[in-house]
Amino acid sequence: MKAPKLISTYCPRCKKHTEHTVTLYKKGKDRTLAIGNRRYTRKQRGYGGQRVEEQRKFAKTTKKMSLKLACKTCGYVIQRHGVRLRKLEIAA
C-alpha cells in the first residue's frame, strides 16, 4: 500500500483538521528489568523446556501495521491502528 507523506486529519489538541506527517510505528527496545521479563528469564533457567510453546505453523501472511501521525502545528502524535498490509510505502 502506498501512503502519502502528509495527511490532513483531525487533531484532538488543536481541535481542528491540520496537516499530519505519516510514519510507520516501530516498537521500542524492551526493558530487561521489567517484572515480566525478569519472571520469564527466571522460569527459563535450568531444565524443563520452553515456558510458552513455540508456534510451528503460522497461518497469516501479513502483519498489522500501525501508522503514526504527527501534527505539524503542535506536534501531537496519533496512531492509526491495525491496518493489515504486506508492505507499506510512504510516497513523497
N, C-alpha and C. Protein backbone atom coordinates (compact mmCIF):
# COMPACT_ATOMS: atom_id res chain seq x y z
N MET A 1 0.84 -1.18 0.00
CA MET A 1 0.00 0.00 0.00
C MET A 1 0.88 1.23 0.00
N LYS A 2 0.47 2.24 -0.73
CA LYS A 2 1.19 3.49 -0.76
C LYS A 2 0.45 4.50 0.10
N ALA A 3 1.15 5.09 1.05
CA ALA A 3 0.56 6.11 1.92
C ALA A 3 1.23 7.44 1.63
N PRO A 4 0.47 8.54 1.64
CA PRO A 4 1.09 9.85 1.40
C PRO A 4 1.93 10.29 2.61
N LYS A 5 2.90 11.16 2.35
CA LYS A 5 3.76 11.65 3.42
C LYS A 5 3.02 12.63 4.33
N LEU A 6 2.03 13.34 3.78
CA LEU A 6 1.21 14.29 4.55
C LEU A 6 -0.25 13.95 4.43
N ILE A 7 -0.96 13.95 5.57
CA ILE A 7 -2.40 13.68 5.60
C ILE A 7 -3.07 14.81 6.37
N SER A 8 -4.19 15.31 5.87
CA SER A 8 -4.96 16.30 6.60
C SER A 8 -6.04 15.57 7.39
N THR A 9 -5.91 15.56 8.71
CA THR A 9 -6.86 14.87 9.57
C THR A 9 -7.05 15.64 10.87
N TYR A 10 -8.01 15.19 11.69
CA TYR A 10 -8.37 15.89 12.92
C TYR A 10 -7.31 15.73 14.00
N CYS A 11 -6.95 16.86 14.64
CA CYS A 11 -6.01 16.84 15.77
C CYS A 11 -6.79 17.16 17.04
N PRO A 12 -6.78 16.25 18.04
CA PRO A 12 -7.54 16.49 19.27
C PRO A 12 -7.01 17.65 20.12
N ARG A 13 -5.72 17.94 20.00
CA ARG A 13 -5.17 19.05 20.78
C ARG A 13 -5.50 20.40 20.16
N CYS A 14 -5.38 20.49 18.82
CA CYS A 14 -5.73 21.75 18.12
C CYS A 14 -7.24 21.90 17.96
N LYS A 15 -7.97 20.79 18.07
CA LYS A 15 -9.43 20.72 17.90
C LYS A 15 -9.89 21.19 16.53
N LYS A 16 -9.09 20.86 15.51
CA LYS A 16 -9.46 21.15 14.12
C LYS A 16 -8.63 20.26 13.20
N HIS A 17 -8.96 20.26 11.93
CA HIS A 17 -8.20 19.49 10.94
C HIS A 17 -6.91 20.21 10.60
N THR A 18 -5.78 19.50 10.70
CA THR A 18 -4.47 20.05 10.37
C THR A 18 -3.68 19.03 9.56
N GLU A 19 -2.53 19.47 9.04
CA GLU A 19 -1.64 18.58 8.31
C GLU A 19 -0.89 17.69 9.30
N HIS A 20 -0.77 16.41 8.97
CA HIS A 20 -0.05 15.45 9.80
C HIS A 20 1.00 14.73 8.94
N THR A 21 2.19 14.52 9.51
CA THR A 21 3.20 13.73 8.82
C THR A 21 2.99 12.25 9.16
N VAL A 22 3.16 11.39 8.18
CA VAL A 22 2.88 9.96 8.33
C VAL A 22 4.19 9.18 8.42
N THR A 23 4.33 8.36 9.47
CA THR A 23 5.46 7.43 9.60
C THR A 23 4.92 6.10 10.07
N LEU A 24 5.74 5.06 9.94
CA LEU A 24 5.37 3.73 10.39
C LEU A 24 5.77 3.58 11.85
N TYR A 25 4.86 3.07 12.69
CA TYR A 25 5.15 2.86 14.10
C TYR A 25 6.14 1.72 14.26
N LYS A 26 7.18 1.96 15.07
CA LYS A 26 8.15 0.90 15.36
C LYS A 26 8.21 0.69 16.86
N LYS A 27 8.28 -0.57 17.26
CA LYS A 27 8.33 -0.94 18.67
C LYS A 27 9.65 -0.50 19.27
N GLY A 28 9.61 0.03 20.50
CA GLY A 28 10.82 0.43 21.20
C GLY A 28 11.55 -0.77 21.78
N LYS A 29 12.72 -0.50 22.35
CA LYS A 29 13.54 -1.57 22.92
C LYS A 29 12.90 -2.05 24.22
N ASP A 30 12.91 -3.40 24.44
CA ASP A 30 12.34 -3.99 25.65
C ASP A 30 13.19 -3.65 26.86
N ARG A 31 12.54 -3.41 28.00
CA ARG A 31 13.26 -3.17 29.24
C ARG A 31 13.63 -4.52 29.85
N THR A 32 14.90 -4.73 30.10
CA THR A 32 15.36 -6.02 30.63
C THR A 32 15.00 -6.18 32.09
N LEU A 33 14.78 -5.08 32.82
CA LEU A 33 14.47 -5.17 34.24
C LEU A 33 12.98 -5.07 34.54
N ALA A 34 12.13 -5.15 33.50
CA ALA A 34 10.68 -5.15 33.73
C ALA A 34 10.30 -6.47 34.39
N ILE A 35 9.27 -6.46 35.24
CA ILE A 35 8.92 -7.63 36.06
C ILE A 35 8.57 -8.84 35.21
N GLY A 36 7.88 -8.65 34.10
CA GLY A 36 7.51 -9.77 33.25
C GLY A 36 8.73 -10.43 32.62
N ASN A 37 9.68 -9.61 32.22
CA ASN A 37 10.91 -10.12 31.62
C ASN A 37 11.76 -10.85 32.64
N ARG A 38 11.82 -10.33 33.87
CA ARG A 38 12.57 -10.97 34.94
C ARG A 38 11.96 -12.32 35.28
N ARG A 39 10.62 -12.36 35.33
CA ARG A 39 9.90 -13.59 35.64
C ARG A 39 10.14 -14.63 34.54
N TYR A 40 10.11 -14.19 33.29
CA TYR A 40 10.31 -15.08 32.15
C TYR A 40 11.70 -15.70 32.17
N THR A 41 12.73 -14.89 32.39
CA THR A 41 14.10 -15.41 32.40
C THR A 41 14.33 -16.34 33.58
N ARG A 42 13.67 -16.06 34.71
CA ARG A 42 13.79 -16.92 35.89
C ARG A 42 13.19 -18.31 35.60
N LYS A 43 12.03 -18.32 34.92
CA LYS A 43 11.37 -19.60 34.61
C LYS A 43 12.10 -20.36 33.51
N GLN A 44 12.84 -19.67 32.66
CA GLN A 44 13.56 -20.31 31.57
C GLN A 44 14.81 -21.03 32.05
N ARG A 45 15.33 -20.67 33.23
CA ARG A 45 16.58 -21.25 33.72
C ARG A 45 16.43 -22.74 34.05
N GLY A 46 17.54 -23.47 33.92
CA GLY A 46 17.57 -24.87 34.31
C GLY A 46 16.85 -25.78 33.33
N TYR A 47 16.43 -26.93 33.80
CA TYR A 47 15.74 -27.92 32.98
C TYR A 47 14.25 -27.60 32.95
N GLY A 48 13.55 -28.23 31.99
CA GLY A 48 12.10 -28.06 31.97
C GLY A 48 11.56 -27.51 30.67
N GLY A 49 12.44 -27.17 29.74
CA GLY A 49 11.98 -26.76 28.42
C GLY A 49 11.42 -25.36 28.35
N GLN A 50 10.72 -25.12 27.25
CA GLN A 50 10.17 -23.80 26.94
C GLN A 50 8.94 -23.53 27.80
N ARG A 51 8.82 -22.29 28.29
CA ARG A 51 7.70 -21.91 29.15
C ARG A 51 6.40 -21.81 28.34
N VAL A 52 6.48 -21.12 27.21
CA VAL A 52 5.33 -20.99 26.31
C VAL A 52 5.68 -21.78 25.05
N GLU A 53 4.75 -22.60 24.56
CA GLU A 53 5.05 -23.45 23.41
C GLU A 53 5.36 -22.60 22.18
N GLU A 54 6.28 -23.10 21.37
CA GLU A 54 6.72 -22.39 20.18
C GLU A 54 5.73 -22.69 19.05
N GLN A 55 5.32 -21.65 18.33
CA GLN A 55 4.36 -21.84 17.25
C GLN A 55 5.10 -22.29 16.00
N ARG A 56 4.75 -23.47 15.50
CA ARG A 56 5.48 -24.04 14.37
C ARG A 56 4.91 -23.53 13.04
N LYS A 57 3.59 -23.62 12.87
CA LYS A 57 2.96 -23.15 11.64
C LYS A 57 2.37 -21.78 11.88
N PHE A 58 2.50 -20.91 10.90
CA PHE A 58 1.92 -19.58 11.03
C PHE A 58 0.93 -19.38 9.89
N ALA A 59 -0.33 -19.08 10.22
CA ALA A 59 -1.40 -19.04 9.22
C ALA A 59 -1.43 -17.73 8.44
N LYS A 60 -1.09 -16.64 9.10
CA LYS A 60 -1.24 -15.32 8.46
C LYS A 60 -0.06 -15.02 7.54
N THR A 61 -0.35 -14.32 6.44
CA THR A 61 0.70 -13.93 5.50
C THR A 61 1.11 -12.48 5.67
N THR A 62 0.29 -11.71 6.40
CA THR A 62 0.59 -10.29 6.61
C THR A 62 0.57 -9.98 8.10
N LYS A 63 1.12 -8.82 8.47
CA LYS A 63 1.08 -8.36 9.84
C LYS A 63 0.34 -7.05 9.89
N LYS A 64 -0.24 -6.75 11.06
CA LYS A 64 -0.94 -5.48 11.22
C LYS A 64 0.08 -4.38 11.50
N MET A 65 0.00 -3.32 10.72
CA MET A 65 0.93 -2.21 10.88
C MET A 65 0.17 -0.99 11.36
N SER A 66 0.81 -0.23 12.25
CA SER A 66 0.21 1.00 12.77
C SER A 66 0.87 2.20 12.12
N LEU A 67 0.05 3.20 11.78
CA LEU A 67 0.58 4.45 11.25
C LEU A 67 0.69 5.47 12.38
N LYS A 68 1.78 6.22 12.39
CA LYS A 68 2.00 7.24 13.41
C LYS A 68 1.82 8.60 12.73
N LEU A 69 0.80 9.34 13.16
CA LEU A 69 0.52 10.65 12.56
C LEU A 69 0.90 11.75 13.53
N ALA A 70 1.82 12.62 13.13
CA ALA A 70 2.27 13.72 13.98
C ALA A 70 1.77 15.04 13.40
N CYS A 71 1.08 15.82 14.25
CA CYS A 71 0.53 17.12 13.83
C CYS A 71 1.68 18.09 13.55
N LYS A 72 1.58 18.83 12.44
CA LYS A 72 2.65 19.75 12.07
C LYS A 72 2.62 21.03 12.89
N THR A 73 1.43 21.41 13.42
CA THR A 73 1.35 22.66 14.16
C THR A 73 1.74 22.50 15.63
N CYS A 74 1.23 21.44 16.29
CA CYS A 74 1.50 21.30 17.73
C CYS A 74 2.39 20.11 18.06
N GLY A 75 2.59 19.18 17.13
CA GLY A 75 3.46 18.03 17.37
C GLY A 75 2.80 16.86 18.06
N TYR A 76 1.47 16.91 18.26
CA TYR A 76 0.73 15.83 18.91
C TYR A 76 0.72 14.60 18.02
N VAL A 77 0.95 13.42 18.61
CA VAL A 77 1.05 12.19 17.84
C VAL A 77 -0.18 11.32 18.06
N ILE A 78 -0.81 10.90 16.95
CA ILE A 78 -1.97 9.99 16.97
C ILE A 78 -1.54 8.71 16.27
N GLN A 79 -2.15 7.59 16.64
CA GLN A 79 -1.87 6.34 15.94
C GLN A 79 -3.12 5.84 15.24
N ARG A 80 -2.93 5.36 14.00
CA ARG A 80 -3.98 4.66 13.28
C ARG A 80 -3.66 3.18 13.40
N HIS A 81 -4.51 2.45 14.10
CA HIS A 81 -4.20 1.06 14.44
C HIS A 81 -4.67 0.06 13.40
N GLY A 82 -3.98 -1.07 13.38
CA GLY A 82 -4.46 -2.29 12.77
C GLY A 82 -4.78 -2.28 11.30
N VAL A 83 -3.90 -1.76 10.46
CA VAL A 83 -4.08 -1.87 9.03
C VAL A 83 -3.28 -3.09 8.60
N ARG A 84 -3.94 -4.09 8.02
CA ARG A 84 -3.24 -5.32 7.63
C ARG A 84 -2.63 -5.13 6.25
N LEU A 85 -1.31 -5.06 6.22
CA LEU A 85 -0.58 -4.79 4.99
C LEU A 85 0.57 -5.76 4.80
N ARG A 86 0.93 -6.00 3.56
CA ARG A 86 2.12 -6.79 3.29
C ARG A 86 3.33 -5.88 3.29
N LYS A 87 3.17 -4.69 2.69
CA LYS A 87 4.27 -3.73 2.60
C LYS A 87 3.69 -2.33 2.60
N LEU A 88 4.32 -1.41 3.34
CA LEU A 88 3.88 -0.02 3.37
C LEU A 88 4.94 0.85 2.74
N GLU A 89 4.50 1.67 1.80
CA GLU A 89 5.41 2.56 1.11
C GLU A 89 4.90 3.98 1.31
N ILE A 90 5.73 4.83 1.94
CA ILE A 90 5.32 6.23 2.16
C ILE A 90 5.83 7.04 0.98
N ALA A 91 4.87 7.50 0.15
CA ALA A 91 5.19 8.22 -1.07
C ALA A 91 5.49 9.69 -0.78
N ALA A 92 6.28 10.28 -1.63
CA ALA A 92 6.66 11.69 -1.46
C ALA A 92 5.56 12.64 -1.89
